[in-house]
PDB file of N, CA and C in Angstrom:
ATOM      1  N   MET A   1      80.668  79.406  82.594  1.00  0.00           N
ATOM      2  CA  MET A   1      81.628  80.074  83.419  1.00  0.00           C
ATOM      3  C   MET A   1      82.457  81.056  82.593  1.00  0.00           C
ATOM      4  N   LEU A   2      82.774  80.697  81.348  1.00  0.00           N
ATOM      5  CA  LEU A   2      83.543  81.602  80.498  1.00  0.00           C
ATOM      6  C   LEU A   2      82.798  82.909  80.247  1.00  0.00           C
ATOM      7  N   ALA A   3      81.497  82.837  80.185  1.00  0.00           N
ATOM      8  CA  ALA A   3      80.695  84.030  79.914  1.00  0.00           C
ATOM      9  C   ALA A   3      80.481  84.884  81.150  1.00  0.00           C
ATOM     10  N   THR A   4      80.458  84.278  82.309  1.00  0.00           N
ATOM     11  CA  THR A   4      80.113  85.031  83.512  1.00  0.00           C
ATOM     12  C   THR A   4      81.315  85.505  84.328  1.00  0.00           C
ATOM     13  N   GLU A   5      82.410  84.785  84.292  1.00  0.00           N
ATOM     14  CA  GLU A   5      83.600  85.135  85.078  1.00  0.00           C
ATOM     15  C   GLU A   5      84.541  85.989  84.237  1.00  0.00           C
ATOM     16  N   LYS A   6      84.405  87.289  84.340  1.00  0.00           N
ATOM     17  CA  LYS A   6      85.169  88.213  83.502  1.00  0.00           C
ATOM     18  C   LYS A   6      86.623  88.362  83.924  1.00  0.00           C
ATOM     19  N   ASP A   7      86.985  87.989  85.146  1.00  0.00           N
ATOM     20  CA  ASP A   7      88.354  88.183  85.608  1.00  0.00           C
ATOM     21  C   ASP A   7      89.263  86.980  85.326  1.00  0.00           C
ATOM     22  N   ILE A   8      88.777  85.975  84.602  1.00  0.00           N
ATOM     23  CA  ILE A   8      89.603  84.836  84.202  1.00  0.00           C
ATOM     24  C   ILE A   8      90.362  85.235  82.937  1.00  0.00           C
ATOM     25  N   ASP A   9      91.697  85.141  82.998  1.00  0.00           N
ATOM     26  CA  ASP A   9      92.530  85.513  81.850  1.00  0.00           C
ATOM     27  C   ASP A   9      92.884  84.327  80.969  1.00  0.00           C
ATOM     28  N   ALA A  10      93.017  83.148  81.580  1.00  0.00           N
ATOM     29  CA  ALA A  10      93.482  81.986  80.835  1.00  0.00           C
ATOM     30  C   ALA A  10      92.769  80.719  81.303  1.00  0.00           C
ATOM     31  N   VAL A  11      92.755  79.745  80.408  1.00  0.00           N
ATOM     32  CA  VAL A  11      92.128  78.454  80.683  1.00  0.00           C
ATOM     33  C   VAL A  11      93.173  77.366  80.460  1.00  0.00           C
ATOM     34  N   PHE A  12      93.213  76.397  81.353  1.00  0.00           N
ATOM     35  CA  PHE A  12      94.093  75.248  81.257  1.00  0.00           C
ATOM     36  C   PHE A  12      93.227  74.055  80.858  1.00  0.00           C
ATOM     37  N   VAL A  13      93.490  73.477  79.681  1.00  0.00           N
ATOM     38  CA  VAL A  13      92.671  72.363  79.185  1.00  0.00           C
ATOM     39  C   VAL A  13      93.409  71.051  79.439  1.00  0.00           C
ATOM     40  N   ALA A  14      92.863  70.260  80.341  1.00  0.00           N
ATOM     41  CA  ALA A  14      93.435  68.956  80.692  1.00  0.00           C
ATOM     42  C   ALA A  14      92.297  67.938  80.751  1.00  0.00           C
ATOM     43  N   THR A  15      91.719  67.705  79.602  1.00  0.00           N
ATOM     44  CA  THR A  15      90.571  66.811  79.458  1.00  0.00           C
ATOM     45  C   THR A  15      90.965  65.671  78.519  1.00  0.00           C
ATOM     46  N   PRO A  16      90.097  64.697  78.286  1.00  0.00           N
ATOM     47  CA  PRO A  16      90.398  63.697  77.266  1.00  0.00           C
ATOM     48  C   PRO A  16      90.656  64.374  75.912  1.00  0.00           C
ATOM     49  N   ASP A  17      91.541  63.783  75.126  1.00  0.00           N
ATOM     50  CA  ASP A  17      91.988  64.394  73.871  1.00  0.00           C
ATOM     51  C   ASP A  17      90.847  64.814  72.945  1.00  0.00           C
ATOM     52  N   PHE A  18      89.784  64.040  72.875  1.00  0.00           N
ATOM     53  CA  PHE A  18      88.695  64.366  71.954  1.00  0.00           C
ATOM     54  C   PHE A  18      87.941  65.633  72.364  1.00  0.00           C
ATOM     55  N   MET A  19      88.145  66.102  73.584  1.00  0.00           N
ATOM     56  CA  MET A  19      87.487  67.326  74.055  1.00  0.00           C
ATOM     57  C   MET A  19      88.383  68.566  73.962  1.00  0.00           C
ATOM     58  N   HIS A  20      89.655  68.394  73.628  1.00  0.00           N
ATOM     59  CA  HIS A  20      90.573  69.530  73.582  1.00  0.00           C
ATOM     60  C   HIS A  20      90.101  70.624  72.631  1.00  0.00           C
ATOM     61  N   ALA A  21      89.760  70.276  71.408  1.00  0.00           N
ATOM     62  CA  ALA A  21      89.377  71.282  70.415  1.00  0.00           C
ATOM     63  C   ALA A  21      88.101  72.035  70.803  1.00  0.00           C
ATOM     64  N   PRO A  22      87.010  71.373  71.173  1.00  0.00           N
ATOM     65  CA  PRO A  22      85.804  72.124  71.512  1.00  0.00           C
ATOM     66  C   PRO A  22      86.003  73.075  72.692  1.00  0.00           C
ATOM     67  N   ILE A  23      86.712  72.618  73.708  1.00  0.00           N
ATOM     68  CA  ILE A  23      86.925  73.460  74.888  1.00  0.00           C
ATOM     69  C   ILE A  23      87.885  74.599  74.567  1.00  0.00           C
ATOM     70  N   THR A  24      88.964  74.285  73.861  1.00  0.00           N
ATOM     71  CA  THR A  24      89.936  75.318  73.488  1.00  0.00           C
ATOM     72  C   THR A  24      89.287  76.373  72.611  1.00  0.00           C
ATOM     73  N   ASN A  25      88.535  75.953  71.614  1.00  0.00           N
ATOM     74  CA  ASN A  25      87.880  76.911  70.720  1.00  0.00           C
ATOM     75  C   ASN A  25      86.889  77.790  71.481  1.00  0.00           C
ATOM     76  N   ALA A  26      86.145  77.210  72.389  1.00  0.00           N
ATOM     77  CA  ALA A  26      85.186  77.992  73.182  1.00  0.00           C
ATOM     78  C   ALA A  26      85.905  79.010  74.055  1.00  0.00           C
ATOM     79  N   ALA A  27      86.996  78.598  74.673  1.00  0.00           N
ATOM     80  CA  ALA A  27      87.736  79.510  75.541  1.00  0.00           C
ATOM     81  C   ALA A  27      88.362  80.643  74.740  1.00  0.00           C
ATOM     82  N   LEU A  28      88.951  80.321  73.597  1.00  0.00           N
ATOM     83  CA  LEU A  28      89.540  81.360  72.749  1.00  0.00           C
ATOM     84  C   LEU A  28      88.472  82.348  72.280  1.00  0.00           C
ATOM     85  N   LYS A  29      87.328  81.837  71.873  1.00  0.00           N
ATOM     86  CA  LYS A  29      86.240  82.716  71.414  1.00  0.00           C
ATOM     87  C   LYS A  29      85.677  83.571  72.549  1.00  0.00           C
ATOM     88  N   ALA A  30      85.849  83.107  73.778  1.00  0.00           N
ATOM     89  CA  ALA A  30      85.401  83.879  74.946  1.00  0.00           C
ATOM     90  C   ALA A  30      86.458  84.902  75.372  1.00  0.00           C
ATOM     91  N   GLY A  31      87.550  84.978  74.607  1.00  0.00           N
ATOM     92  CA  GLY A  31      88.576  85.968  74.898  1.00  0.00           C
ATOM     93  C   GLY A  31      89.611  85.543  75.915  1.00  0.00           C
ATOM     94  N   LYS A  32      89.760  84.235  76.120  1.00  0.00           N
ATOM     95  CA  LYS A  32      90.721  83.717  77.094  1.00  0.00           C
ATOM     96  C   LYS A  32      91.943  83.153  76.378  1.00  0.00           C
ATOM     97  N   HIS A  33      93.111  83.275  76.997  1.00  0.00           N
ATOM     98  CA  HIS A  33      94.301  82.585  76.528  1.00  0.00           C
ATOM     99  C   HIS A  33      94.155  81.128  76.952  1.00  0.00           C
ATOM    100  N   VAL A  34      94.818  80.204  76.205  1.00  0.00           N
ATOM    101  CA  VAL A  34      94.646  78.778  76.501  1.00  0.00           C
ATOM    102  C   VAL A  34      95.981  78.054  76.535  1.00  0.00           C
ATOM    103  N   TYR A  35      96.171  77.259  77.590  1.00  0.00           N
ATOM    104  CA  TYR A  35      97.244  76.272  77.654  1.00  0.00           C
ATOM    105  C   TYR A  35      96.550  74.915  77.555  1.00  0.00           C
ATOM    106  N   CYS A  36      96.906  74.147  76.537  1.00  0.00           N
ATOM    107  CA  CYS A  36      96.287  72.838  76.317  1.00  0.00           C
ATOM    108  C   CYS A  36      97.353  71.765  76.448  1.00  0.00           C
ATOM    109  N   GLU A  37      97.039  70.740  77.229  1.00  0.00           N
ATOM    110  CA  GLU A  37      98.001  69.648  77.362  1.00  0.00           C
ATOM    111  C   GLU A  37      98.159  68.940  76.026  1.00  0.00           C
ATOM    112  N   LYS A  38      99.293  68.254  75.851  1.00  0.00           N
ATOM    113  CA  LYS A  38      99.447  67.467  74.635  1.00  0.00           C
ATOM    114  C   LYS A  38      98.706  66.161  74.811  1.00  0.00           C
ATOM    115  N   MET A  39      98.327  65.580  73.909  1.00  0.00           N
ATOM    116  CA  MET A  39      98.262  65.665  72.483  1.00  0.00           C
ATOM    117  C   MET A  39      97.259  66.760  72.134  1.00  0.00           C
ATOM    118  N   MET A  40      97.606  67.570  71.154  1.00  0.00           N
ATOM    119  CA  MET A  40      96.779  68.732  70.831  1.00  0.00           C
ATOM    120  C   MET A  40      95.332  68.326  70.572  1.00  0.00           C
ATOM    121  N   SER A  41      95.145  67.308  69.765  1.00  0.00           N
ATOM    122  CA  SER A  41      93.808  66.801  69.471  1.00  0.00           C
ATOM    123  C   SER A  41      93.937  65.389  68.930  1.00  0.00           C
ATOM    124  N   ASN A  42      92.825  64.727  68.784  1.00  0.00           N
ATOM    125  CA  ASN A  42      92.874  63.370  68.248  1.00  0.00           C
ATOM    126  C   ASN A  42      92.637  63.318  66.742  1.00  0.00           C
ATOM    127  N   THR A  43      92.388  64.480  66.106  1.00  0.00           N
ATOM    128  CA  THR A  43      92.271  64.534  64.647  1.00  0.00           C
ATOM    129  C   THR A  43      92.991  65.780  64.124  1.00  0.00           C
ATOM    130  N   ILE A  44      93.450  65.683  62.905  1.00  0.00           N
ATOM    131  CA  ILE A  44      94.113  66.833  62.268  1.00  0.00           C
ATOM    132  C   ILE A  44      93.128  67.977  62.084  1.00  0.00           C
ATOM    133  N   GLU A  45      91.895  67.660  61.725  1.00  0.00           N
ATOM    134  CA  GLU A  45      90.880  68.698  61.509  1.00  0.00           C
ATOM    135  C   GLU A  45      90.600  69.482  62.786  1.00  0.00           C
ATOM    136  N   ALA A  46      90.508  68.785  63.895  1.00  0.00           N
ATOM    137  CA  ALA A  46      90.249  69.462  65.165  1.00  0.00           C
ATOM    138  C   ALA A  46      91.435  70.333  65.562  1.00  0.00           C
ATOM    139  N   ALA A  47      92.648  69.828  65.370  1.00  0.00           N
ATOM    140  CA  ALA A  47      93.841  70.624  65.675  1.00  0.00           C
ATOM    141  C   ALA A  47      93.879  71.869  64.786  1.00  0.00           C
ATOM    142  N   ALA A  48      93.560  71.714  63.514  1.00  0.00           N
ATOM    143  CA  ALA A  48      93.549  72.857  62.593  1.00  0.00           C
ATOM    144  C   ALA A  48      92.500  73.882  63.013  1.00  0.00           C
ATOM    145  N   SER A  49      91.376  73.419  63.550  1.00  0.00           N
ATOM    146  CA  SER A  49      90.341  74.360  63.998  1.00  0.00           C
ATOM    147  C   SER A  49      90.830  75.188  65.177  1.00  0.00           C
ATOM    148  N   MET A  50      91.662  74.587  66.030  1.00  0.00           N
ATOM    149  CA  MET A  50      92.224  75.312  67.166  1.00  0.00           C
ATOM    150  C   MET A  50      93.167  76.422  66.685  1.00  0.00           C
ATOM    151  N   VAL A  51      93.990  76.109  65.699  1.00  0.00           N
ATOM    152  CA  VAL A  51      94.912  77.103  65.143  1.00  0.00           C
ATOM    153  C   VAL A  51      94.137  78.217  64.449  1.00  0.00           C
ATOM    154  N   LYS A  52      93.097  77.844  63.726  1.00  0.00           N
ATOM    155  CA  LYS A  52      92.270  78.841  63.031  1.00  0.00           C
ATOM    156  C   LYS A  52      91.601  79.784  64.035  1.00  0.00           C
ATOM    157  N   THR A  53      91.057  79.228  65.100  1.00  0.00           N
ATOM    158  CA  THR A  53      90.414  80.052  66.119  1.00  0.00           C
ATOM    159  C   THR A  53      91.427  80.947  66.809  1.00  0.00           C
ATOM    160  N   ARG A  54      92.613  80.425  67.065  1.00  0.00           N
ATOM    161  CA  ARG A  54      93.683  81.241  67.652  1.00  0.00           C
ATOM    162  C   ARG A  54      93.998  82.429  66.747  1.00  0.00           C
ATOM    163  N   ASP A  55      94.123  82.166  65.445  1.00  0.00           N
ATOM    164  CA  ASP A  55      94.422  83.241  64.491  1.00  0.00           C
ATOM    165  C   ASP A  55      93.306  84.281  64.450  1.00  0.00           C
ATOM    166  N   GLU A  56      92.070  83.823  64.497  1.00  0.00           N
ATOM    167  CA  GLU A  56      90.921  84.732  64.438  1.00  0.00           C
ATOM    168  C   GLU A  56      90.784  85.587  65.686  1.00  0.00           C
ATOM    169  N   THR A  57      91.127  85.030  66.843  1.00  0.00           N
ATOM    170  CA  THR A  57      90.927  85.751  68.102  1.00  0.00           C
ATOM    171  C   THR A  57      92.142  86.546  68.554  1.00  0.00           C
ATOM    172  N   GLY A  58      93.320  86.169  68.066  1.00  0.00           N
ATOM    173  CA  GLY A  58      94.539  86.847  68.490  1.00  0.00           C
ATOM    174  C   GLY A  58      94.965  86.485  69.907  1.00  0.00           C
ATOM    175  N   LYS A  59      94.384  85.469  70.470  1.00  0.00           N
ATOM    176  CA  LYS A  59      94.731  85.036  71.826  1.00  0.00           C
ATOM    177  C   LYS A  59      95.880  84.027  71.776  1.00  0.00           C
ATOM    178  N   LEU A  60      96.549  83.834  72.898  1.00  0.00           N
ATOM    179  CA  LEU A  60      97.652  82.880  72.969  1.00  0.00           C
ATOM    180  C   LEU A  60      97.111  81.467  73.106  1.00  0.00           C
ATOM    181  N   LEU A  61      97.741  80.548  72.384  1.00  0.00           N
ATOM    182  CA  LEU A  61      97.435  79.125  72.494  1.00  0.00           C
ATOM    183  C   LEU A  61      98.754  78.396  72.624  1.00  0.00           C
ATOM    184  N   GLN A  62      98.937  77.696  73.722  1.00  0.00           N
ATOM    185  CA  GLN A  62     100.159  76.923  73.935  1.00  0.00           C
ATOM    186  C   GLN A  62      99.789  75.474  74.157  1.00  0.00           C
ATOM    187  N   ILE A  63     100.544  74.601  73.490  1.00  0.00           N
ATOM    188  CA  ILE A  63     100.367  73.163  73.661  1.00  0.00           C
ATOM    189  C   ILE A  63     101.606  72.647  74.377  1.00  0.00           C
ATOM    190  N   GLY A  64     101.414  71.896  75.447  1.00  0.00           N
ATOM    191  CA  GLY A  64     102.575  71.450  76.195  1.00  0.00           C
ATOM    192  C   GLY A  64     102.327  70.179  76.972  1.00  0.00           C
ATOM    193  N   CYS A  65     103.353  69.818  77.697  1.00  0.00           N
ATOM    194  CA  CYS A  65     103.336  68.613  78.516  1.00  0.00           C
ATOM    195  C   CYS A  65     103.135  68.982  79.969  1.00  0.00           C
ATOM    196  N   LEU A  66     102.267  68.280  80.630  1.00  0.00           N
ATOM    197  CA  LEU A  66     102.015  68.561  82.039  1.00  0.00           C
ATOM    198  C   LEU A  66     103.153  68.073  82.896  1.00  0.00           C
TER     199      LEU A  66
END
């Protein structure tokens, strides 16, 4: 869907914690802004990968409470 739906500007990630990083990274790489529910991730490495991808893509990444 990220590849085919060009009019989507942002993605809201509200999945189990272990899926936050893969989905967030995919959305950022697809050029979408991301709002991810807290907890950011279940590992420090996965959380760091989200920040790295955000820096590389220049897209917005917000972590918050639903």
